[in-house]
Amino acid sequence: EKEERRSKRTKEESDLIYSKHKILENINIIPGSNDESVIDSDKLKTWISKVRELAEKDDRLESAEGVIGKLLSKYPKGLHDTWFPSVILETLEEINSHRMLLMFEIGITNSRGVTVRGANAGGTLEYDQAKIFDDIYNLTYVEFPNVSNVFKRIRDDYIRQAKREDNEALGGKLNY
């Protein structure tokens, strides 16, 4: 049914849907937030609800939810114990969209950027990151169990990376 509707679209309709998606992707400020990064819960939830409604009409809900998840991951670090204010965690938990949570996770992971370390340094940087996400997980798992699993997966990934870096460092030391 969805594919049939998509195939019947005119070029103009398809172009309009594409343009709406590009506009959504280019939003860099979380809707409902002020200059101090305080988010008005009602404004954020209303905005997300409207975006999801419009995306559903265009058969683009999953894609829009991914963009929303990525946008929510851009909240500035260091302003809250859990990194993210409860309004973001609560919104993600209530919607509980797989795509939104996945892109939220990817956005957080990608926000770290590039790291530089000395030869044979091991996984110290990754263990430090794992600790941060373990702390966030422990602060959120009771109230926001679905969202806390994002932090748990990020923690576990950092632990895997740390072990890999440790193994590479050990291998490098054996070669000298």
N, C-alpha and C. Protein backbone atom coordinates (compact mmCIF):
# COMPACT_ATOMS: atom_id res chain seq x y z
N GLU A 1 0.82 -1.19 0.00
CA GLU A 1 0.00 0.00 0.00
C GLU A 1 0.87 1.26 0.00
N LYS A 2 1.87 1.29 0.90
CA LYS A 2 2.76 2.44 0.99
C LYS A 2 3.54 2.62 -0.32
N GLU A 3 4.05 1.52 -0.84
CA GLU A 3 4.80 1.58 -2.10
C GLU A 3 3.91 2.03 -3.25
N GLU A 4 2.67 1.60 -3.23
CA GLU A 4 1.72 2.00 -4.28
C GLU A 4 1.49 3.50 -4.23
N ARG A 5 1.30 4.05 -3.02
CA ARG A 5 1.11 5.51 -2.88
C ARG A 5 2.35 6.25 -3.34
N ARG A 6 3.52 5.73 -2.99
CA ARG A 6 4.76 6.38 -3.41
C ARG A 6 4.91 6.38 -4.93
N SER A 7 4.53 5.29 -5.56
CA SER A 7 4.69 5.19 -7.02
C SER A 7 3.72 6.11 -7.76
N LYS A 8 2.63 6.50 -7.12
CA LYS A 8 1.64 7.37 -7.77
C LYS A 8 1.93 8.86 -7.57
N ARG A 9 2.97 9.18 -6.81
CA ARG A 9 3.29 10.59 -6.58
C ARG A 9 3.81 11.24 -7.85
N THR A 10 3.46 12.51 -7.97
CA THR A 10 4.03 13.28 -9.09
C THR A 10 5.45 13.69 -8.70
N LYS A 11 6.20 14.14 -9.68
CA LYS A 11 7.56 14.62 -9.41
C LYS A 11 7.52 15.78 -8.42
N GLU A 12 6.54 16.66 -8.57
CA GLU A 12 6.41 17.81 -7.67
C GLU A 12 6.14 17.36 -6.24
N GLU A 13 5.28 16.37 -6.07
CA GLU A 13 5.00 15.85 -4.73
C GLU A 13 6.25 15.22 -4.12
N SER A 14 6.97 14.45 -4.90
CA SER A 14 8.20 13.83 -4.42
C SER A 14 9.25 14.88 -4.07
N ASP A 15 9.36 15.91 -4.90
CA ASP A 15 10.31 17.00 -4.63
C ASP A 15 9.94 17.74 -3.34
N LEU A 16 8.65 17.95 -3.11
CA LEU A 16 8.21 18.63 -1.90
C LEU A 16 8.53 17.79 -0.66
N ILE A 17 8.28 16.50 -0.73
CA ILE A 17 8.58 15.61 0.39
C ILE A 17 10.09 15.61 0.67
N TYR A 18 10.89 15.56 -0.38
CA TYR A 18 12.35 15.60 -0.24
C TYR A 18 12.78 16.92 0.42
N SER A 19 12.20 18.03 -0.02
CA SER A 19 12.56 19.34 0.54
C SER A 19 12.19 19.43 2.03
N LYS A 20 11.03 18.90 2.38
CA LYS A 20 10.63 18.91 3.80
C LYS A 20 11.63 18.10 4.63
N HIS A 21 12.05 16.97 4.10
CA HIS A 21 13.01 16.14 4.82
C HIS A 21 14.35 16.87 4.98
N LYS A 22 14.81 17.55 3.93
CA LYS A 22 16.08 18.29 4.01
C LYS A 22 15.99 19.41 5.04
N ILE A 23 14.86 20.09 5.09
CA ILE A 23 14.67 21.14 6.10
C ILE A 23 14.77 20.52 7.50
N LEU A 24 14.09 19.42 7.69
CA LEU A 24 14.12 18.73 8.99
C LEU A 24 15.55 18.34 9.36
N GLU A 25 16.31 17.81 8.40
CA GLU A 25 17.69 17.40 8.66
C GLU A 25 18.60 18.56 9.04
N ASN A 26 18.27 19.76 8.59
CA ASN A 26 19.13 20.91 8.82
C ASN A 26 18.82 21.68 10.09
N ILE A 27 17.87 21.21 10.87
CA ILE A 27 17.58 21.85 12.16
C ILE A 27 18.67 21.44 13.14
N ASN A 28 19.28 22.43 13.78
CA ASN A 28 20.37 22.15 14.71
C ASN A 28 20.08 22.57 16.14
N ILE A 29 18.96 23.22 16.35
CA ILE A 29 18.56 23.64 17.69
C ILE A 29 17.32 22.85 18.07
N ILE A 30 17.35 22.24 19.23
CA ILE A 30 16.22 21.43 19.67
C ILE A 30 15.00 22.33 19.87
N PRO A 31 13.92 22.05 19.17
CA PRO A 31 12.71 22.87 19.30
C PRO A 31 12.23 22.96 20.75
N GLY A 32 11.84 24.17 21.12
CA GLY A 32 11.37 24.40 22.49
C GLY A 32 12.49 24.81 23.43
N SER A 33 13.74 24.87 22.93
CA SER A 33 14.84 25.24 23.83
C SER A 33 15.11 26.74 23.75
N ASN A 34 15.59 27.28 24.87
CA ASN A 34 15.92 28.70 24.91
C ASN A 34 17.44 28.87 24.86
N ASP A 35 17.91 30.09 25.05
CA ASP A 35 19.35 30.39 24.96
C ASP A 35 20.19 29.68 26.01
N GLU A 36 19.56 29.27 27.12
CA GLU A 36 20.28 28.55 28.18
C GLU A 36 20.12 27.04 28.03
N SER A 37 19.61 26.59 26.90
CA SER A 37 19.39 25.16 26.60
C SER A 37 18.34 24.52 27.51
N VAL A 38 17.46 25.33 28.06
CA VAL A 38 16.32 24.81 28.81
C VAL A 38 15.22 24.52 27.80
N ILE A 39 14.65 23.33 27.88
CA ILE A 39 13.66 22.91 26.90
C ILE A 39 12.26 22.95 27.50
N ASP A 40 11.36 23.60 26.81
CA ASP A 40 9.95 23.61 27.18
C ASP A 40 9.36 22.28 26.70
N SER A 41 8.97 21.45 27.64
CA SER A 41 8.49 20.11 27.34
C SER A 41 7.30 20.12 26.38
N ASP A 42 6.33 21.00 26.64
CA ASP A 42 5.14 21.04 25.79
C ASP A 42 5.49 21.43 24.36
N LYS A 43 6.37 22.40 24.21
CA LYS A 43 6.75 22.84 22.86
C LYS A 43 7.49 21.73 22.12
N LEU A 44 8.40 21.06 22.80
CA LEU A 44 9.15 19.98 22.16
C LEU A 44 8.21 18.85 21.74
N LYS A 45 7.37 18.42 22.66
CA LYS A 45 6.47 17.30 22.37
C LYS A 45 5.45 17.66 21.28
N THR A 46 4.98 18.89 21.28
CA THR A 46 4.06 19.33 20.23
C THR A 46 4.75 19.32 18.88
N TRP A 47 5.98 19.82 18.84
CA TRP A 47 6.75 19.85 17.59
C TRP A 47 6.98 18.43 17.07
N ILE A 48 7.42 17.54 17.95
CA ILE A 48 7.68 16.15 17.53
C ILE A 48 6.39 15.50 17.04
N SER A 49 5.31 15.72 17.75
CA SER A 49 4.02 15.15 17.35
C SER A 49 3.62 15.63 15.96
N LYS A 50 3.78 16.92 15.70
CA LYS A 50 3.42 17.47 14.39
C LYS A 50 4.32 16.93 13.29
N VAL A 51 5.62 16.85 13.55
CA VAL A 51 6.56 16.31 12.55
C VAL A 51 6.20 14.86 12.24
N ARG A 52 5.93 14.08 13.26
CA ARG A 52 5.58 12.68 13.05
C ARG A 52 4.27 12.55 12.27
N GLU A 53 3.30 13.40 12.59
CA GLU A 53 2.02 13.38 11.88
C GLU A 53 2.22 13.70 10.39
N LEU A 54 2.97 14.76 10.10
CA LEU A 54 3.22 15.13 8.71
C LEU A 54 4.03 14.06 7.97
N ALA A 55 5.01 13.51 8.66
CA ALA A 55 5.83 12.46 8.05
C ALA A 55 5.01 11.22 7.75
N GLU A 56 4.09 10.89 8.63
CA GLU A 56 3.21 9.74 8.42
C GLU A 56 2.39 9.92 7.15
N LYS A 57 1.90 11.13 6.94
CA LYS A 57 1.12 11.43 5.73
C LYS A 57 1.96 11.25 4.46
N ASP A 58 3.26 11.50 4.58
CA ASP A 58 4.16 11.38 3.43
C ASP A 58 4.81 10.00 3.35
N ASP A 59 4.40 9.08 4.22
CA ASP A 59 5.02 7.75 4.30
C ASP A 59 6.51 7.84 4.62
N ARG A 60 6.86 8.77 5.48
CA ARG A 60 8.27 9.00 5.83
C ARG A 60 8.47 9.01 7.35
N LEU A 61 7.59 8.34 8.09
CA LEU A 61 7.66 8.38 9.54
C LEU A 61 8.99 7.85 10.07
N GLU A 62 9.41 6.69 9.60
CA GLU A 62 10.65 6.10 10.10
C GLU A 62 11.84 7.03 9.86
N SER A 63 11.90 7.59 8.68
CA SER A 63 12.98 8.51 8.35
C SER A 63 12.94 9.75 9.25
N ALA A 64 11.76 10.32 9.44
CA ALA A 64 11.63 11.51 10.29
C ALA A 64 12.00 11.19 11.73
N GLU A 65 11.60 10.02 12.21
CA GLU A 65 11.95 9.64 13.58
C GLU A 65 13.47 9.52 13.74
N GLY A 66 14.13 9.05 12.72
CA GLY A 66 15.59 8.98 12.77
C GLY A 66 16.21 10.35 12.88
N VAL A 67 15.71 11.30 12.11
CA VAL A 67 16.23 12.67 12.15
C VAL A 67 15.96 13.29 13.52
N ILE A 68 14.78 13.03 14.07
CA ILE A 68 14.45 13.55 15.41
C ILE A 68 15.40 12.98 16.45
N GLY A 69 15.66 11.67 16.39
CA GLY A 69 16.59 11.05 17.35
C GLY A 69 17.97 11.65 17.27
N LYS A 70 18.44 11.85 16.05
CA LYS A 70 19.77 12.46 15.86
C LYS A 70 19.80 13.89 16.39
N LEU A 71 18.73 14.64 16.14
CA LEU A 71 18.65 16.02 16.65
C LEU A 71 18.68 16.04 18.17
N LEU A 72 17.93 15.16 18.82
CA LEU A 72 17.90 15.14 20.28
C LEU A 72 19.26 14.76 20.87
N SER A 73 20.06 14.03 20.11
CA SER A 73 21.40 13.64 20.59
C SER A 73 22.36 14.82 20.63
N LYS A 74 21.99 15.93 20.02
CA LYS A 74 22.87 17.10 19.94
C LYS A 74 22.80 18.00 21.16
N TYR A 75 22.02 17.61 22.17
CA TYR A 75 21.93 18.44 23.37
C TYR A 75 23.33 18.62 23.96
N PRO A 76 23.69 19.85 24.38
CA PRO A 76 25.06 20.10 24.88
C PRO A 76 25.42 19.24 26.09
N LYS A 77 26.64 18.73 26.07
CA LYS A 77 27.15 17.92 27.18
C LYS A 77 27.41 18.79 28.41
N GLY A 78 27.32 18.14 29.57
CA GLY A 78 27.77 18.78 30.80
C GLY A 78 26.75 19.63 31.53
N LEU A 79 25.55 19.76 31.02
CA LEU A 79 24.55 20.59 31.69
C LEU A 79 23.70 19.81 32.69
N HIS A 80 23.72 18.47 32.61
CA HIS A 80 22.91 17.61 33.48
C HIS A 80 23.74 16.38 33.86
N ASP A 81 23.42 15.79 35.00
CA ASP A 81 24.10 14.57 35.43
C ASP A 81 23.96 13.45 34.40
N THR A 82 22.80 13.41 33.78
CA THR A 82 22.53 12.36 32.81
C THR A 82 22.88 12.81 31.40
N TRP A 83 23.58 13.96 31.25
CA TRP A 83 23.95 14.55 29.97
C TRP A 83 22.73 15.19 29.34
N PHE A 84 21.61 14.45 29.35
CA PHE A 84 20.39 14.94 28.71
C PHE A 84 19.36 15.29 29.78
N PRO A 85 18.59 16.36 29.54
CA PRO A 85 17.55 16.70 30.51
C PRO A 85 16.42 15.66 30.48
N SER A 86 15.68 15.60 31.56
CA SER A 86 14.63 14.58 31.66
C SER A 86 13.59 14.72 30.55
N VAL A 87 13.36 15.92 30.04
CA VAL A 87 12.36 16.09 28.98
C VAL A 87 12.75 15.30 27.73
N ILE A 88 14.02 15.25 27.40
CA ILE A 88 14.48 14.47 26.24
C ILE A 88 14.34 12.99 26.53
N LEU A 89 14.80 12.57 27.70
CA LEU A 89 14.71 11.16 28.06
C LEU A 89 13.25 10.71 28.13
N GLU A 90 12.41 11.52 28.72
CA GLU A 90 10.99 11.21 28.85
C GLU A 90 10.32 11.11 27.48
N THR A 91 10.64 12.04 26.60
CA THR A 91 10.06 12.04 25.26
C THR A 91 10.46 10.79 24.49
N LEU A 92 11.74 10.46 24.52
CA LEU A 92 12.21 9.25 23.84
C LEU A 92 11.56 8.01 24.43
N GLU A 93 11.45 7.98 25.74
CA GLU A 93 10.85 6.82 26.41
C GLU A 93 9.38 6.66 26.02
N GLU A 94 8.65 7.76 26.00
CA GLU A 94 7.22 7.71 25.67
C GLU A 94 6.99 7.25 24.23
N ILE A 95 7.76 7.78 23.31
CA ILE A 95 7.58 7.42 21.90
C ILE A 95 8.11 6.01 21.65
N ASN A 96 9.25 5.71 22.24
CA ASN A 96 9.87 4.38 22.17
C ASN A 96 9.94 3.85 20.73
N SER A 97 10.40 4.70 19.84
CA SER A 97 10.58 4.33 18.44
C SER A 97 11.98 3.74 18.26
N HIS A 98 12.03 2.55 17.67
CA HIS A 98 13.33 1.91 17.43
C HIS A 98 14.24 2.83 16.63
N ARG A 99 13.73 3.40 15.56
CA ARG A 99 14.54 4.25 14.69
C ARG A 99 15.01 5.50 15.43
N MET A 100 14.14 6.11 16.22
CA MET A 100 14.51 7.31 16.95
C MET A 100 15.60 7.01 17.97
N LEU A 101 15.46 5.91 18.69
CA LEU A 101 16.47 5.52 19.67
C LEU A 101 17.79 5.15 19.00
N LEU A 102 17.72 4.46 17.87
CA LEU A 102 18.93 4.08 17.15
C LEU A 102 19.71 5.32 16.70
N MET A 103 19.01 6.28 16.11
CA MET A 103 19.70 7.47 15.63
C MET A 103 20.15 8.37 16.78
N PHE A 104 19.45 8.34 17.89
CA PHE A 104 19.88 9.03 19.10
C PHE A 104 21.22 8.43 19.55
N GLU A 105 21.30 7.11 19.55
CA GLU A 105 22.53 6.41 19.93
C GLU A 105 23.68 6.73 18.97
N ILE A 106 23.40 6.66 17.68
CA ILE A 106 24.44 6.95 16.69
C ILE A 106 24.91 8.40 16.80
N GLY A 107 23.97 9.32 17.03
CA GLY A 107 24.34 10.72 17.20
C GLY A 107 25.26 10.93 18.39
N ILE A 108 24.95 10.27 19.50
CA ILE A 108 25.80 10.39 20.70
C ILE A 108 27.19 9.81 20.40
N THR A 109 27.22 8.64 19.81
CA THR A 109 28.50 7.98 19.51
C THR A 109 29.34 8.83 18.57
N ASN A 110 28.72 9.39 17.55
CA ASN A 110 29.46 10.19 16.58
C ASN A 110 29.89 11.55 17.12
N SER A 111 29.26 12.01 18.20
CA SER A 111 29.59 13.32 18.74
C SER A 111 30.98 13.35 19.38
N ARG A 112 31.54 12.21 19.66
CA ARG A 112 32.86 12.15 20.28
C ARG A 112 33.93 12.66 19.35
N GLY A 113 33.78 12.40 18.07
CA GLY A 113 34.78 12.85 17.11
C GLY A 113 36.00 11.94 17.10
N VAL A 114 37.08 12.48 16.63
CA VAL A 114 38.32 11.72 16.47
C VAL A 114 39.13 11.80 17.76
N THR A 115 39.79 10.70 18.10
CA THR A 115 40.68 10.71 19.27
C THR A 115 42.11 10.46 18.80
N VAL A 116 43.04 11.00 19.55
CA VAL A 116 44.46 10.82 19.25
C VAL A 116 45.12 10.25 20.49
N ARG A 117 45.96 9.25 20.30
CA ARG A 117 46.63 8.63 21.43
C ARG A 117 48.05 8.27 21.02
N GLY A 118 48.88 8.08 22.00
CA GLY A 118 50.24 7.66 21.72
C GLY A 118 50.28 6.19 21.33
N ALA A 119 51.37 5.82 20.70
CA ALA A 119 51.55 4.41 20.35
C ALA A 119 51.53 3.58 21.63
N ASN A 120 50.87 2.46 21.58
CA ASN A 120 50.78 1.53 22.71
C ASN A 120 50.10 2.13 23.94
N ALA A 121 49.22 3.10 23.74
CA ALA A 121 48.55 3.77 24.86
C ALA A 121 47.44 2.90 25.47
N GLY A 122 46.91 1.99 24.71
CA GLY A 122 45.84 1.15 25.24
C GLY A 122 44.49 1.85 25.23
N GLY A 123 43.54 1.26 25.93
CA GLY A 123 42.16 1.73 25.87
C GLY A 123 41.73 2.67 26.96
N THR A 124 42.65 3.43 27.53
CA THR A 124 42.31 4.33 28.64
C THR A 124 41.20 5.30 28.27
N LEU A 125 41.29 5.90 27.09
CA LEU A 125 40.26 6.85 26.66
C LEU A 125 38.89 6.19 26.59
N GLU A 126 38.86 4.98 26.07
CA GLU A 126 37.59 4.27 25.93
C GLU A 126 37.04 3.83 27.28
N TYR A 127 37.92 3.42 28.19
CA TYR A 127 37.45 3.05 29.53
C TYR A 127 36.84 4.28 30.23
N ASP A 128 37.45 5.45 30.03
CA ASP A 128 36.89 6.68 30.61
C ASP A 128 35.50 6.96 30.06
N GLN A 129 35.33 6.80 28.75
CA GLN A 129 34.01 7.00 28.14
C GLN A 129 33.01 5.95 28.64
N ALA A 130 33.46 4.71 28.76
CA ALA A 130 32.58 3.64 29.26
C ALA A 130 32.08 3.99 30.66
N LYS A 131 32.93 4.55 31.48
CA LYS A 131 32.56 4.93 32.85
C LYS A 131 31.48 6.02 32.83
N ILE A 132 31.64 6.99 31.94
CA ILE A 132 30.64 8.06 31.82
C ILE A 132 29.27 7.47 31.47
N PHE A 133 29.26 6.58 30.47
CA PHE A 133 27.98 6.02 30.04
C PHE A 133 27.43 4.99 31.02
N ASP A 134 28.30 4.37 31.79
CA ASP A 134 27.82 3.48 32.85
C ASP A 134 27.12 4.31 33.94
N ASP A 135 27.71 5.45 34.27
CA ASP A 135 27.08 6.34 35.26
C ASP A 135 25.72 6.83 34.77
N ILE A 136 25.64 7.22 33.49
CA ILE A 136 24.37 7.70 32.94
C ILE A 136 23.35 6.56 32.93
N TYR A 137 23.80 5.38 32.54
CA TYR A 137 22.91 4.21 32.55
C TYR A 137 22.34 4.00 33.96
N ASN A 138 23.21 4.02 34.96
CA ASN A 138 22.76 3.78 36.33
C ASN A 138 21.82 4.86 36.85
N LEU A 139 21.94 6.07 36.34
CA LEU A 139 21.04 7.15 36.74
C LEU A 139 19.68 7.09 36.03
N THR A 140 19.61 6.35 34.93
CA THR A 140 18.40 6.40 34.10
C THR A 140 17.62 5.09 33.98
N TYR A 141 18.22 3.96 34.35
CA TYR A 141 17.59 2.68 34.00
C TYR A 141 16.25 2.42 34.69
N VAL A 142 16.00 3.00 35.84
CA VAL A 142 14.73 2.77 36.52
C VAL A 142 13.61 3.59 35.87
N GLU A 143 13.87 4.87 35.68
CA GLU A 143 12.82 5.76 35.16
C GLU A 143 12.67 5.69 33.63
N PHE A 144 13.78 5.43 32.94
CA PHE A 144 13.77 5.44 31.48
C PHE A 144 14.43 4.16 30.94
N PRO A 145 13.83 3.01 31.15
CA PRO A 145 14.50 1.74 30.81
C PRO A 145 14.86 1.59 29.33
N ASN A 146 14.02 2.04 28.43
CA ASN A 146 14.34 1.90 27.00
C ASN A 146 15.48 2.81 26.59
N VAL A 147 15.45 4.04 27.07
CA VAL A 147 16.51 4.99 26.73
C VAL A 147 17.81 4.59 27.42
N SER A 148 17.72 4.08 28.63
CA SER A 148 18.94 3.68 29.35
C SER A 148 19.67 2.57 28.60
N ASN A 149 18.93 1.75 27.85
CA ASN A 149 19.59 0.71 27.06
C ASN A 149 20.50 1.30 25.99
N VAL A 150 20.18 2.49 25.51
CA VAL A 150 21.07 3.19 24.58
C VAL A 150 22.41 3.43 25.27
N PHE A 151 22.36 3.96 26.48
CA PHE A 151 23.59 4.26 27.22
C PHE A 151 24.36 2.98 27.56
N LYS A 152 23.63 1.93 27.85
CA LYS A 152 24.26 0.63 28.13
C LYS A 152 24.99 0.10 26.90
N ARG A 153 24.35 0.20 25.73
CA ARG A 153 25.01 -0.27 24.49
C ARG A 153 26.24 0.56 24.17
N ILE A 154 26.16 1.88 24.39
CA ILE A 154 27.32 2.73 24.15
C ILE A 154 28.44 2.36 25.11
N ARG A 155 28.10 2.16 26.39
CA ARG A 155 29.09 1.73 27.38
C ARG A 155 29.76 0.43 26.94
N ASP A 156 28.95 -0.55 26.57
CA ASP A 156 29.49 -1.85 26.17
C ASP A 156 30.38 -1.73 24.93
N ASP A 157 30.00 -0.87 24.01
CA ASP A 157 30.81 -0.67 22.81
C ASP A 157 32.16 -0.05 23.18
N TYR A 158 32.15 0.92 24.09
CA TYR A 158 33.42 1.52 24.53
C TYR A 158 34.30 0.49 25.24
N ILE A 159 33.71 -0.40 26.00
CA ILE A 159 34.50 -1.45 26.66
C ILE A 159 35.13 -2.36 25.62
N ARG A 160 34.36 -2.74 24.58
CA ARG A 160 34.93 -3.57 23.50
C ARG A 160 36.09 -2.83 22.80
N GLN A 161 35.88 -1.55 22.53
CA GLN A 161 36.94 -0.77 21.89
C GLN A 161 38.17 -0.66 22.79
N ALA A 162 37.95 -0.48 24.08
CA ALA A 162 39.06 -0.37 25.03
C ALA A 162 39.88 -1.66 25.05
N LYS A 163 39.19 -2.78 25.08
CA LYS A 163 39.90 -4.07 25.08
C LYS A 163 40.69 -4.26 23.80
N ARG A 164 40.10 -3.85 22.68
CA ARG A 164 40.81 -3.95 21.40
C ARG A 164 42.07 -3.07 21.42
N GLU A 165 41.93 -1.86 21.95
CA GLU A 165 43.10 -0.96 22.04
C GLU A 165 44.15 -1.54 22.98
N ASP A 166 43.70 -2.15 24.09
CA ASP A 166 44.65 -2.80 25.01
C ASP A 166 45.40 -3.93 24.31
N ASN A 167 44.68 -4.72 23.56
CA ASN A 167 45.31 -5.84 22.83
C ASN A 167 46.29 -5.33 21.79
N GLU A 168 45.92 -4.28 21.08
CA GLU A 168 46.84 -3.71 20.09
C GLU A 168 48.08 -3.13 20.76
N ALA A 169 47.89 -2.49 21.90
CA ALA A 169 49.04 -1.93 22.62
C ALA A 169 49.95 -3.04 23.12
N LEU A 170 49.35 -4.10 23.63
CA LEU A 170 50.14 -5.24 24.10
C LEU A 170 50.91 -5.86 22.95
N GLY A 171 50.26 -6.02 21.80
CA GLY A 171 50.92 -6.56 20.61
C GLY A 171 52.05 -5.68 20.15
N GLY A 172 51.84 -4.36 20.23
CA GLY A 172 52.90 -3.42 19.84
C GLY A 172 54.09 -3.48 20.77
N LYS A 173 53.85 -3.70 22.06
CA LYS A 173 54.95 -3.80 23.02
C LYS A 173 55.74 -5.07 22.81
N LEU A 174 55.05 -6.13 22.38
CA LEU A 174 55.75 -7.40 22.14
C LEU A 174 56.65 -7.30 20.90
N ASN A 175 56.35 -6.37 20.02
CA ASN A 175 57.15 -6.23 18.81
C ASN A 175 58.39 -5.38 19.00
N TYR A 176 58.58 -4.81 20.17
CA TYR A 176 59.75 -3.95 20.39
C TYR A 176 60.78 -4.63 21.26
